[in-house]
């Protein structure tokens, strides 16, 4: 092999090596940018995970569907009893009002 041929092959190899270096630099630059974006997303996902866990912890204290229904039924029954009690107190209120009026008439005489 002559020195000219060797020089030609070395220049071709150097050119290919520099092209490969440019391609590698472009690929790794995108990967570094993606790495930064992934790190940010991982932080957000971790934050959301903590928030979801705190919500799940709080929801454990809340009544389930059946308990909620029993509470609603109990409140309806309680309202019915209050209505009955209110109706039964009306005659007592009327008697008290009559006594009050009578006592006021006696005081003013």
PDB file of N, CA and C in Angstrom:
ATOM      1  N   UNK A   1       0.844  -1.169   0.000  1.00  0.00           N
ATOM      2  CA  UNK A   1       0.000   0.000   0.000  1.00  0.00           C
ATOM      3  C   UNK A   1       0.895   1.240   0.000  1.00  0.00           C
ATOM      4  N   UNK A   2       0.548   2.144  -0.829  1.00  0.00           N
ATOM      5  CA  UNK A   2       1.338   3.366  -0.972  1.00  0.00           C
ATOM      6  C   UNK A   2       0.874   4.394   0.061  1.00  0.00           C
ATOM      7  N   UNK A   3       1.701   5.348   0.364  1.00  0.00           N
ATOM      8  CA  UNK A   3       1.337   6.373   1.326  1.00  0.00           C
ATOM      9  C   UNK A   3       0.108   7.179   0.894  1.00  0.00           C
ATOM     10  N   UNK A   4      -0.088   7.338  -0.403  1.00  0.00           N
ATOM     11  CA  UNK A   4      -1.272   8.060  -0.867  1.00  0.00           C
ATOM     12  C   UNK A   4      -2.542   7.284  -0.538  1.00  0.00           C
ATOM     13  N   UNK A   5      -2.513   6.000  -0.770  1.00  0.00           N
ATOM     14  CA  UNK A   5      -3.677   5.174  -0.456  1.00  0.00           C
ATOM     15  C   UNK A   5      -3.954   5.189   1.045  1.00  0.00           C
ATOM     16  N   UNK A   6      -2.873   5.104   1.809  1.00  0.00           N
ATOM     17  CA  UNK A   6      -3.026   5.133   3.261  1.00  0.00           C
ATOM     18  C   UNK A   6      -3.612   6.471   3.712  1.00  0.00           C
ATOM     19  N   UNK A   7      -3.111   7.548   3.105  1.00  0.00           N
ATOM     20  CA  UNK A   7      -3.627   8.883   3.447  1.00  0.00           C
ATOM     21  C   UNK A   7      -5.096   8.995   3.067  1.00  0.00           C
ATOM     22  N   UNK A   8      -5.513   8.437   1.954  1.00  0.00           N
ATOM     23  CA  UNK A   8      -6.910   8.471   1.513  1.00  0.00           C
ATOM     24  C   UNK A   8      -7.792   7.713   2.499  1.00  0.00           C
ATOM     25  N   UNK A   9      -7.357   6.521   2.890  1.00  0.00           N
ATOM     26  CA  UNK A   9      -8.145   5.732   3.852  1.00  0.00           C
ATOM     27  C   UNK A   9      -8.204   6.402   5.211  1.00  0.00           C
ATOM     28  N   UNK A  10      -7.129   6.999   5.621  1.00  0.00           N
ATOM     29  CA  UNK A  10      -7.138   7.709   6.913  1.00  0.00           C
ATOM     30  C   UNK A  10      -8.066   8.924   6.870  1.00  0.00           C
ATOM     31  N   UNK A  11      -8.084   9.642   5.748  1.00  0.00           N
ATOM     32  CA  UNK A  11      -8.983  10.804   5.655  1.00  0.00           C
ATOM     33  C   UNK A  11     -10.446  10.358   5.608  1.00  0.00           C
ATOM     34  N   UNK A  12     -10.725   9.229   4.927  1.00  0.00           N
ATOM     35  CA  UNK A  12     -12.095   8.701   4.907  1.00  0.00           C
ATOM     36  C   UNK A  12     -12.503   8.263   6.313  1.00  0.00           C
ATOM     37  N   UNK A  13     -11.592   7.590   7.006  1.00  0.00           N
ATOM     38  CA  UNK A  13     -11.879   7.138   8.378  1.00  0.00           C
ATOM     39  C   UNK A  13     -12.096   8.331   9.301  1.00  0.00           C
ATOM     40  N   UNK A  14     -11.288   9.378   9.143  1.00  0.00           N
ATOM     41  CA  UNK A  14     -11.430  10.572   9.969  1.00  0.00           C
ATOM     42  C   UNK A  14     -12.758  11.262   9.694  1.00  0.00           C
ATOM     43  N   UNK A  15     -13.164  11.308   8.435  1.00  0.00           N
ATOM     44  CA  UNK A  15     -14.440  11.921   8.062  1.00  0.00           C
ATOM     45  C   UNK A  15     -15.605  11.128   8.647  1.00  0.00           C
ATOM     46  N   UNK A  16     -15.545   9.809   8.505  1.00  0.00           N
ATOM     47  CA  UNK A  16     -16.602   8.970   9.073  1.00  0.00           C
ATOM     48  C   UNK A  16     -16.646   9.085  10.590  1.00  0.00           C
ATOM     49  N   UNK A  17     -15.484   9.167  11.202  1.00  0.00           N
ATOM     50  CA  UNK A  17     -15.426   9.312  12.661  1.00  0.00           C
ATOM     51  C   UNK A  17     -16.032  10.639  13.106  1.00  0.00           C
ATOM     52  N   UNK A  18     -15.753  11.717  12.380  1.00  0.00           N
ATOM     53  CA  UNK A  18     -16.322  13.016  12.752  1.00  0.00           C
ATOM     54  C   UNK A  18     -17.831  13.044  12.508  1.00  0.00           C
ATOM     55  N   UNK A  19     -18.303  12.409  11.438  1.00  0.00           N
ATOM     56  CA  UNK A  19     -19.749  12.329  11.191  1.00  0.00           C
ATOM     57  C   UNK A  19     -20.418  11.526  12.300  1.00  0.00           C
ATOM     58  N   UNK A  20     -19.791  10.427  12.687  1.00  0.00           N
ATOM     59  CA  UNK A  20     -20.325   9.618  13.784  1.00  0.00           C
ATOM     60  C   UNK A  20     -20.366  10.394  15.092  1.00  0.00           C
ATOM     61  N   UNK A  21     -19.338  11.215  15.333  1.00  0.00           N
ATOM     62  CA  UNK A  21     -19.297  12.026  16.552  1.00  0.00           C
ATOM     63  C   UNK A  21     -20.423  13.058  16.551  1.00  0.00           C
ATOM     64  N   UNK A  22     -20.712  13.654  15.405  1.00  0.00           N
ATOM     65  CA  UNK A  22     -21.797  14.636  15.297  1.00  0.00           C
ATOM     66  C   UNK A  22     -23.144  13.946  15.552  1.00  0.00           C
ATOM     67  N   UNK A  23     -23.333  12.781  14.932  1.00  0.00           N
ATOM     68  CA  UNK A  23     -24.591  12.045  15.136  1.00  0.00           C
ATOM     69  C   UNK A  23     -24.748  11.663  16.600  1.00  0.00           C
ATOM     70  N   UNK A  24     -23.677  11.207  17.221  1.00  0.00           N
ATOM     71  CA  UNK A  24     -23.730  10.849  18.640  1.00  0.00           C
ATOM     72  C   UNK A  24     -24.055  12.069  19.505  1.00  0.00           C
ATOM     73  N   UNK A  25     -23.464  13.204  19.188  1.00  0.00           N
ATOM     74  CA  UNK A  25     -23.722  14.430  19.951  1.00  0.00           C
ATOM     75  C   UNK A  25     -25.179  14.848  19.842  1.00  0.00           C
ATOM     76  N   UNK A  26     -25.749  14.733  18.638  1.00  0.00           N
ATOM     77  CA  UNK A  26     -27.158  15.106  18.435  1.00  0.00           C
ATOM     78  C   UNK A  26     -28.062  14.168  19.226  1.00  0.00           C
ATOM     79  N   UNK A  27     -27.795  12.880  19.172  1.00  0.00           N
ATOM     80  CA  UNK A  27     -28.626  11.895  19.887  1.00  0.00           C
ATOM     81  C   UNK A  27     -28.532  12.085  21.384  1.00  0.00           C
ATOM     82  N   UNK A  28     -27.317  12.279  21.901  1.00  0.00           N
ATOM     83  CA  UNK A  28     -27.179  12.432  23.355  1.00  0.00           C
ATOM     84  C   UNK A  28     -27.734  13.759  23.839  1.00  0.00           C
ATOM     85  N   UNK A  29     -27.710  14.787  22.996  1.00  0.00           N
ATOM     86  CA  UNK A  29     -28.277  16.079  23.397  1.00  0.00           C
ATOM     87  C   UNK A  29     -29.778  15.940  23.590  1.00  0.00           C
ATOM     88  N   UNK A  30     -30.447  15.239  22.687  1.00  0.00           N
ATOM     89  CA  UNK A  30     -31.880  15.007  22.842  1.00  0.00           C
ATOM     90  C   UNK A  30     -32.157  14.152  24.061  1.00  0.00           C
ATOM     91  N   UNK A  31     -31.303  13.171  24.299  1.00  0.00           N
ATOM     92  CA  UNK A  31     -31.491  12.299  25.463  1.00  0.00           C
ATOM     93  C   UNK A  31     -31.323  13.090  26.756  1.00  0.00           C
ATOM     94  N   UNK A  32     -30.373  14.013  26.789  1.00  0.00           N
ATOM     95  CA  UNK A  32     -30.178  14.832  27.993  1.00  0.00           C
ATOM     96  C   UNK A  32     -31.394  15.728  28.236  1.00  0.00           C
ATOM     97  N   UNK A  33     -31.930  16.301  27.159  1.00  0.00           N
ATOM     98  CA  UNK A  33     -33.142  17.120  27.293  1.00  0.00           C
ATOM     99  C   UNK A  33     -34.310  16.282  27.777  1.00  0.00           C
ATOM    100  N   UNK A  34     -34.438  15.091  27.233  1.00  0.00           N
ATOM    101  CA  UNK A  34     -35.506  14.194  27.680  1.00  0.00           C
ATOM    102  C   UNK A  34     -35.294  13.753  29.115  1.00  0.00           C
ATOM    103  N   UNK A  35     -34.046  13.588  29.503  1.00  0.00           N
ATOM    104  CA  UNK A  35     -33.747  13.185  30.880  1.00  0.00           C
ATOM    105  C   UNK A  35     -34.213  14.262  31.859  1.00  0.00           C
ATOM    106  N   UNK A  36     -33.975  15.505  31.518  1.00  0.00           N
ATOM    107  CA  UNK A  36     -34.420  16.614  32.383  1.00  0.00           C
ATOM    108  C   UNK A  36     -35.944  16.635  32.460  1.00  0.00           C
ATOM    109  N   UNK A  37     -36.592  16.446  31.318  1.00  0.00           N
ATOM    110  CA  UNK A  37     -38.056  16.422  31.305  1.00  0.00           C
ATOM    111  C   UNK A  37     -38.594  15.256  32.115  1.00  0.00           C
ATOM    112  N   UNK A  38     -37.950  14.101  31.995  1.00  0.00           N
ATOM    113  CA  UNK A  38     -38.374  12.930  32.768  1.00  0.00           C
ATOM    114  C   UNK A  38     -38.204  13.153  34.260  1.00  0.00           C
ATOM    115  N   UNK A  39     -37.119  13.810  34.651  1.00  0.00           N
ATOM    116  CA  UNK A  39     -36.918  14.098  36.077  1.00  0.00           C
ATOM    117  C   UNK A  39     -38.029  14.995  36.613  1.00  0.00           C
ATOM    118  N   UNK A  40     -38.434  15.989  35.822  1.00  0.00           N
ATOM    119  CA  UNK A  40     -39.529  16.868  36.236  1.00  0.00           C
ATOM    120  C   UNK A  40     -40.829  16.085  36.356  1.00  0.00           C
ATOM    121  N   UNK A  41     -41.084  15.230  35.369  1.00  0.00           N
ATOM    122  CA  UNK A  41     -42.314  14.436  35.395  1.00  0.00           C
ATOM    123  C   UNK A  41     -42.326  13.461  36.572  1.00  0.00           C
ATOM    124  N   UNK A  42     -41.173  12.883  36.879  1.00  0.00           N
ATOM    125  CA  UNK A  42     -41.102  11.978  38.028  1.00  0.00           C
ATOM    126  C   UNK A  42     -41.450  12.711  39.318  1.00  0.00           C
ATOM    127  N   UNK A  43     -40.988  13.947  39.439  1.00  0.00           N
ATOM    128  CA  UNK A  43     -41.324  14.751  40.616  1.00  0.00           C
ATOM    129  C   UNK A  43     -42.816  15.012  40.707  1.00  0.00           C
ATOM    130  N   UNK A  44     -43.424  15.324  39.566  1.00  0.00           N
ATOM    131  CA  UNK A  44     -44.864  15.571  39.547  1.00  0.00           C
ATOM    132  C   UNK A  44     -45.648  14.308  39.892  1.00  0.00           C
ATOM    133  N   UNK A  45     -45.220  13.182  39.320  1.00  0.00           N
ATOM    134  CA  UNK A  45     -45.908  11.917  39.594  1.00  0.00           C
ATOM    135  C   UNK A  45     -45.792  11.571  41.077  1.00  0.00           C
ATOM    136  N   UNK A  46     -44.635  11.792  41.648  1.00  0.00           N
ATOM    137  CA  UNK A  46     -44.453  11.511  43.075  1.00  0.00           C
ATOM    138  C   UNK A  46     -45.352  12.411  43.925  1.00  0.00           C
ATOM    139  N   UNK A  47     -45.446  13.685  43.547  1.00  0.00           N
ATOM    140  CA  UNK A  47     -46.319  14.620  44.262  1.00  0.00           C
ATOM    141  C   UNK A  47     -47.775  14.189  44.153  1.00  0.00           C
ATOM    142  N   UNK A  48     -48.192  13.799  42.956  1.00  0.00           N
ATOM    143  CA  UNK A  48     -49.572  13.350  42.767  1.00  0.00           C
ATOM    144  C   UNK A  48     -49.834  12.071  43.557  1.00  0.00           C
ATOM    145  N   UNK A  49     -48.847  11.201  43.613  1.00  0.00           N
ATOM    146  CA  UNK A  49     -48.998   9.973  44.388  1.00  0.00           C
ATOM    147  C   UNK A  49     -49.228  10.272  45.858  1.00  0.00           C
ATOM    148  N   UNK A  50     -48.501  11.233  46.389  1.00  0.00           N
ATOM    149  CA  UNK A  50     -48.681  11.624  47.791  1.00  0.00           C
ATOM    150  C   UNK A  50     -50.056  12.240  48.008  1.00  0.00           C
ATOM    151  N   UNK A  51     -50.505  13.056  47.065  1.00  0.00           N
ATOM    152  CA  UNK A  51     -51.818  13.676  47.207  1.00  0.00           C
ATOM    153  C   UNK A  51     -52.923  12.633  47.145  1.00  0.00           C
ATOM    154  N   UNK A  52     -52.787  11.682  46.247  1.00  0.00           N
ATOM    155  CA  UNK A  52     -53.787  10.622  46.132  1.00  0.00           C
ATOM    156  C   UNK A  52     -53.813   9.793  47.408  1.00  0.00           C
ATOM    157  N   UNK A  53     -52.641   9.509  47.964  1.00  0.00           N
ATOM    158  CA  UNK A  53     -52.585   8.721  49.196  1.00  0.00           C
ATOM    159  C   UNK A  53     -53.258   9.469  50.345  1.00  0.00           C
ATOM    160  N   UNK A  54     -53.056  10.777  50.433  1.00  0.00           N
ATOM    161  CA  UNK A  54     -53.696  11.538  51.508  1.00  0.00           C
ATOM    162  C   UNK A  54     -55.214  11.554  51.328  1.00  0.00           C
ATOM    163  N   UNK A  55     -55.685  11.641  50.084  1.00  0.00           N
ATOM    164  CA  UNK A  55     -57.127  11.583  49.830  1.00  0.00           C
ATOM    165  C   UNK A  55     -57.694  10.216  50.205  1.00  0.00           C
ATOM    166  N   UNK A  56     -56.972   9.161  49.871  1.00  0.00           N
ATOM    167  CA  UNK A  56     -57.439   7.819  50.233  1.00  0.00           C
ATOM    168  C   UNK A  56     -57.494   7.653  51.745  1.00  0.00           C
ATOM    169  N   UNK A  57     -56.507   8.211  52.444  1.00  0.00           N
ATOM    170  CA  UNK A  57     -56.509   8.131  53.907  1.00  0.00           C
ATOM    171  C   UNK A  57     -57.711   8.850  54.493  1.00  0.00           C
ATOM    172  N   UNK A  58     -58.060  10.007  53.927  1.00  0.00           N
ATOM    173  CA  UNK A  58     -59.211  10.759  54.424  1.00  0.00           C
ATOM    174  C   UNK A  58     -60.522  10.055  54.095  1.00  0.00           C
ATOM    175  N   UNK A  59     -60.585   9.400  52.954  1.00  0.00           N
ATOM    176  CA  UNK A  59     -61.824   8.741  52.550  1.00  0.00           C
ATOM    177  C   UNK A  59     -62.122   7.507  53.400  1.00  0.00           C
ATOM    178  N   UNK A  60     -61.106   6.967  54.069  1.00  0.00           N
ATOM    179  CA  UNK A  60     -61.335   5.812  54.935  1.00  0.00           C
ATOM    180  C   UNK A  60     -62.274   6.163  56.078  1.00  0.00           C
ATOM    181  N   UNK A  61     -62.268   7.427  56.496  1.00  0.00           N
ATOM    182  CA  UNK A  61     -63.090   7.857  57.619  1.00  0.00           C
ATOM    183  C   UNK A  61     -64.535   8.146  57.212  1.00  0.00           C
ATOM    184  N   UNK A  62     -64.772   8.277  55.929  1.00  0.00           N
ATOM    185  CA  UNK A  62     -66.119   8.599  55.459  1.00  0.00           C
ATOM    186  C   UNK A  62     -66.984   7.335  55.428  1.00  0.00           C
ATOM    187  N   UNK A  63     -68.296   7.514  55.626  1.00  0.00           N
ATOM    188  CA  UNK A  63     -69.168   6.332  55.587  1.00  0.00           C
ATOM    189  C   UNK A  63     -69.291   5.785  54.164  1.00  0.00           C
ATOM    190  N   UNK A  64     -69.507   4.472  54.093  1.00  0.00           N
ATOM    191  CA  UNK A  64     -69.700   3.870  52.781  1.00  0.00           C
ATOM    192  C   UNK A  64     -71.146   4.101  52.332  1.00  0.00           C
ATOM    193  N   UNK A  65     -71.513   3.534  51.194  1.00  0.00           N
ATOM    194  CA  UNK A  65     -72.827   3.779  50.605  1.00  0.00           C
ATOM    195  C   UNK A  65     -73.941   3.292  51.520  1.00  0.00           C
ATOM    196  N   UNK A  66     -73.784   2.112  52.109  1.00  0.00           N
ATOM    197  CA  UNK A  66     -74.823   1.562  52.978  1.00  0.00           C
ATOM    198  C   UNK A  66     -74.967   2.387  54.255  1.00  0.00           C
ATOM    199  N   UNK A  67     -73.841   2.780  54.837  1.00  0.00           N
ATOM    200  CA  UNK A  67     -73.899   3.608  56.052  1.00  0.00           C
ATOM    201  C   UNK A  67     -74.561   4.945  55.759  1.00  0.00           C
ATOM    202  N   UNK A  68     -74.227   5.527  54.625  1.00  0.00           N
ATOM    203  CA  UNK A  68     -74.842   6.793  54.229  1.00  0.00           C
ATOM    204  C   UNK A  68     -76.350   6.635  54.089  1.00  0.00           C
ATOM    205  N   UNK A  69     -76.783   5.527  53.507  1.00  0.00           N
ATOM    206  CA  UNK A  69     -78.221   5.283  53.338  1.00  0.00           C
ATOM    207  C   UNK A  69     -78.891   5.118  54.705  1.00  0.00           C
ATOM    208  N   UNK A  70     -78.241   4.399  55.625  1.00  0.00           N
ATOM    209  CA  UNK A  70     -78.822   4.237  56.966  1.00  0.00           C
ATOM    210  C   UNK A  70     -78.936   5.585  57.684  1.00  0.00           C
ATOM    211  N   UNK A  71     -77.948   6.441  57.494  1.00  0.00           N
ATOM    212  CA  UNK A  71     -77.998   7.775  58.103  1.00  0.00           C
ATOM    213  C   UNK A  71     -79.169   8.564  57.530  1.00  0.00           C
ATOM    214  N   UNK A  72     -79.346   8.507  56.214  1.00  0.00           N
ATOM    215  CA  UNK A  72     -80.448   9.233  55.579  1.00  0.00           C
ATOM    216  C   UNK A  72     -81.800   8.720  56.064  1.00  0.00           C
ATOM    217  N   UNK A  73     -81.954   7.402  56.173  1.00  0.00           N
ATOM    218  CA  UNK A  73     -83.212   6.823  56.654  1.00  0.00           C
ATOM    219  C   UNK A  73     -83.455   7.252  58.101  1.00  0.00           C
ATOM    220  N   UNK A  74     -82.406   7.230  58.904  1.00  0.00           N
ATOM    221  CA  UNK A  74     -82.538   7.668  60.295  1.00  0.00           C
ATOM    222  C   UNK A  74     -82.971   9.117  60.403  1.00  0.00           C
ATOM    223  N   UNK A  75     -82.435   9.971  59.545  1.00  0.00           N
ATOM    224  CA  UNK A  75     -82.817  11.384  59.554  1.00  0.00           C
ATOM    225  C   UNK A  75     -84.275  11.567  59.136  1.00  0.00           C
ATOM    226  N   UNK A  76     -84.730  10.796  58.176  1.00  0.00           N
ATOM    227  CA  UNK A  76     -86.128  10.876  57.756  1.00  0.00           C
ATOM    228  C   UNK A  76     -87.034  10.468  58.919  1.00  0.00           C
ATOM    229  N   UNK A  77     -86.669   9.384  59.622  1.00  0.00           N
ATOM    230  CA  UNK A  77     -87.458   8.946  60.777  1.00  0.00           C
ATOM    231  C   UNK A  77     -87.443  10.010  61.870  1.00  0.00           C
ATOM    232  N   UNK A  78     -86.299  10.615  62.100  1.00  0.00           N
ATOM    233  CA  UNK A  78     -86.193  11.656  63.124  1.00  0.00           C
ATOM    234  C   UNK A  78     -87.045  12.866  62.768  1.00  0.00           C
ATOM    235  N   UNK A  79     -87.049  13.243  61.500  1.00  0.00           N
ATOM    236  CA  UNK A  79     -87.897  14.355  61.068  1.00  0.00           C
ATOM    237  C   UNK A  79     -89.371  14.029  61.274  1.00  0.00           C
ATOM    238  N   UNK A  80     -89.766  12.792  61.006  1.00  0.00           N
ATOM    239  CA  UNK A  80     -91.157  12.386  61.236  1.00  0.00           C
ATOM    240  C   UNK A  80     -91.524  12.477  62.703  1.00  0.00           C
ATOM    241  N   UNK A  81     -90.634  12.029  63.565  1.00  0.00           N
ATOM    242  CA  UNK A  81     -90.906  12.110  65.008  1.00  0.00           C
ATOM    243  C   UNK A  81     -90.989  13.554  65.477  1.00  0.00           C
ATOM    244  N   UNK A  82     -90.135  14.410  64.908  1.00  0.00           N
ATOM    245  CA  UNK A  82     -90.183  15.832  65.282  1.00  0.00           C
ATOM    246  C   UNK A  82     -91.507  16.454  64.850  1.00  0.00           C
ATOM    247  N   UNK A  83     -92.025  16.074  63.690  1.00  0.00           N
ATOM    248  CA  UNK A  83     -93.315  16.590  63.225  1.00  0.00           C
ATOM    249  C   UNK A  83     -94.437  16.140  64.164  1.00  0.00           C
ATOM    250  N   UNK A  84     -94.396  14.888  64.585  1.00  0.00           N
ATOM    251  CA  UNK A  84     -95.409  14.376  65.510  1.00  0.00           C
ATOM    252  C   UNK A  84     -95.310  15.110  66.842  1.00  0.00           C
ATOM    253  N   UNK A  85     -94.089  15.317  67.324  1.00  0.00           N
ATOM    254  CA  UNK A  85     -93.899  16.028  68.589  1.00  0.00           C
ATOM    255  C   UNK A  85     -94.393  17.465  68.479  1.00  0.00           C
ATOM    256  N   UNK A  86     -94.138  18.101  67.352  1.00  0.00           N
ATOM    257  CA  UNK A  86     -94.595  19.466  67.143  1.00  0.00           C
ATOM    258  C   UNK A  86     -96.122  19.541  67.161  1.00  0.00           C
ATOM    259  N   UNK A  87     -96.773  18.587  66.532  1.00  0.00           N
ATOM    260  CA  UNK A  87     -98.241  18.558  66.533  1.00  0.00           C
ATOM    261  C   UNK A  87     -98.789  18.308  67.929  1.00  0.00           C
ATOM    262  N   UNK A  88     -98.123  17.459  68.701  1.00  0.00           N
ATOM    263  CA  UNK A  88     -98.635  17.162  70.046  1.00  0.00           C
ATOM    264  C   UNK A  88     -98.406  18.326  71.008  1.00  0.00           C
ATOM    265  N   UNK A  89     -97.462  19.219  70.680  1.00  0.00           N
ATOM    266  CA  UNK A  89     -97.218  20.371  71.548  1.00  0.00           C
ATOM    267  C   UNK A  89     -98.141  21.553  71.252  1.00  0.00           C
ATOM    268  N   UNK A  90     -98.845  21.533  70.143  1.00  0.00           N
ATOM    269  CA  UNK A  90     -99.730  22.648  69.793  1.00  0.00           C
ATOM    270  C   UNK A  90    -100.834  22.855  70.824  1.00  0.00           C
ATOM    271  N   UNK A  91    -101.534  21.805  71.311  1.00  0.00           N
ATOM    272  CA  UNK A  91    -102.555  22.048  72.328  1.00  0.00           C
ATOM    273  C   UNK A  91    -101.965  22.598  73.634  1.00  0.00           C
ATOM    274  N   UNK A  92    -100.786  22.133  73.994  1.00  0.00           N
ATOM    275  CA  UNK A  92    -100.140  22.642  75.215  1.00  0.00           C
ATOM    276  C   UNK A  92     -99.807  24.109  75.046  1.00  0.00           C
ATOM    277  N   UNK A  93     -99.323  24.479  73.874  1.00  0.00           N
ATOM    278  CA  UNK A  93     -99.020  25.876  73.598  1.00  0.00           C
ATOM    279  C   UNK A  93    -100.295  26.721  73.673  1.00  0.00           C
ATOM    280  N   UNK A  94    -101.389  26.203  73.127  1.00  0.00           N
ATOM    281  CA  UNK A  94    -102.660  26.942  73.174  1.00  0.00           C
ATOM    282  C   UNK A  94    -103.116  27.130  74.610  1.00  0.00           C
ATOM    283  N   UNK A  95    -103.005  26.087  75.457  1.00  0.00           N
ATOM    284  CA  UNK A  95    -103.375  26.210  76.871  1.00  0.00           C
ATOM    285  C   UNK A  95    -102.497  27.232  77.577  1.00  0.00           C
ATOM    286  N   UNK A  96    -101.230  27.205  77.310  1.00  0.00           N
ATOM    287  CA  UNK A  96    -100.330  28.182  77.923  1.00  0.00           C
ATOM    288  C   UNK A  96    -100.675  29.593  77.490  1.00  0.00           C
ATOM    289  N   UNK A  97    -101.035  29.744  76.250  1.00  0.00           N
ATOM    290  CA  UNK A  97    -101.406  31.065  75.759  1.00  0.00           C
ATOM    291  C   UNK A  97    -102.679  31.563  76.443  1.00  0.00           C
ATOM    292  N   UNK A  98    -103.678  30.663  76.640  1.00  0.00           N
ATOM    293  CA  UNK A  98    -104.906  31.043  77.344  1.00  0.00           C
ATOM    294  C   UNK A  98    -104.605  31.428  78.784  1.00  0.00           C
ATOM    295  N   UNK A  99    -103.761  30.635  79.460  1.00  0.00           N
ATOM    296  CA  UNK A  99    -103.387  30.965  80.843  1.00  0.00           C
ATOM    297  C   UNK A  99    -102.652  32.300  80.906  1.00  0.00           C
ATOM    298  N   UNK A 100    -101.795  32.541  79.964  1.00  0.00           N
ATOM    299  CA  UNK A 100    -101.056  33.791  79.930  1.00  0.00           C
ATOM    300  C   UNK A 100    -102.014  34.965  79.760  1.00  0.00           C
ATOM    301  N   UNK A 101    -102.972  34.830  78.837  1.00  0.00           N
ATOM    302  CA  UNK A 101    -103.950  35.900  78.622  1.00  0.00           C
ATOM    303  C   UNK A 101    -104.797  36.115  79.882  1.00  0.00           C
ATOM    304  N   UNK A 102    -105.215  35.032  80.517  1.00  0.00           N
ATOM    305  CA  UNK A 102    -106.028  35.123  81.724  1.00  0.00           C
ATOM    306  C   UNK A 102    -105.262  35.830  82.839  1.00  0.00           C
ATOM    307  N   UNK A 103    -103.999  35.435  83.011  1.00  0.00           N
ATOM    308  CA  UNK A 103    -103.189  36.074  84.057  1.00  0.00           C
ATOM    309  C   UNK A 103    -102.955  37.549  83.755  1.00  0.00           C
ATOM    310  N   UNK A 104    -102.807  37.903  82.532  1.00  0.00           N
ATOM    311  CA  UNK A 104    -102.612  39.299  82.186  1.00  0.00           C
ATOM    312  C   UNK A 104    -103.887  40.103  82.479  1.00  0.00           C
ATOM    313  N   UNK A 105    -105.053  39.531  82.199  1.00  0.00           N
ATOM    314  CA  UNK A 105    -106.318  40.224  82.478  1.00  0.00           C
ATOM    315  C   UNK A 105    -106.463  40.439  83.976  1.00  0.00           C
ATOM    316  N   UNK A 106    -106.076  39.427  84.777  1.00  0.00           N
ATOM    317  CA  UNK A 106    -106.205  39.548  86.225  1.00  0.00           C
ATOM    318  C   UNK A 106    -105.249  40.593  86.778  1.00  0.00           C
ATOM    319  N   UNK A 107    -104.097  40.690  86.213  1.00  0.00           N
ATOM    320  CA  UNK A 107    -103.115  41.671  86.686  1.00  0.00           C
ATOM    321  C   UNK A 107    -103.580  43.069  86.341  1.00  0.00           C
ATOM    322  N   UNK A 108    -104.199  43.256  85.206  1.00  0.00           N
ATOM    323  CA  UNK A 108    -104.610  44.598  84.783  1.00  0.00           C
ATOM    324  C   UNK A 108    -105.878  45.059  85.497  1.00  0.00           C
ATOM    325  N   UNK A 109    -106.629  44.164  86.150  1.00  0.00           N
ATOM    326  CA  UNK A 109    -107.854  44.555  86.840  1.00  0.00           C
ATOM    327  C   UNK A 109    -107.584  45.287  88.089  1.00  0.00           C
TER     328      UNK A 109
END
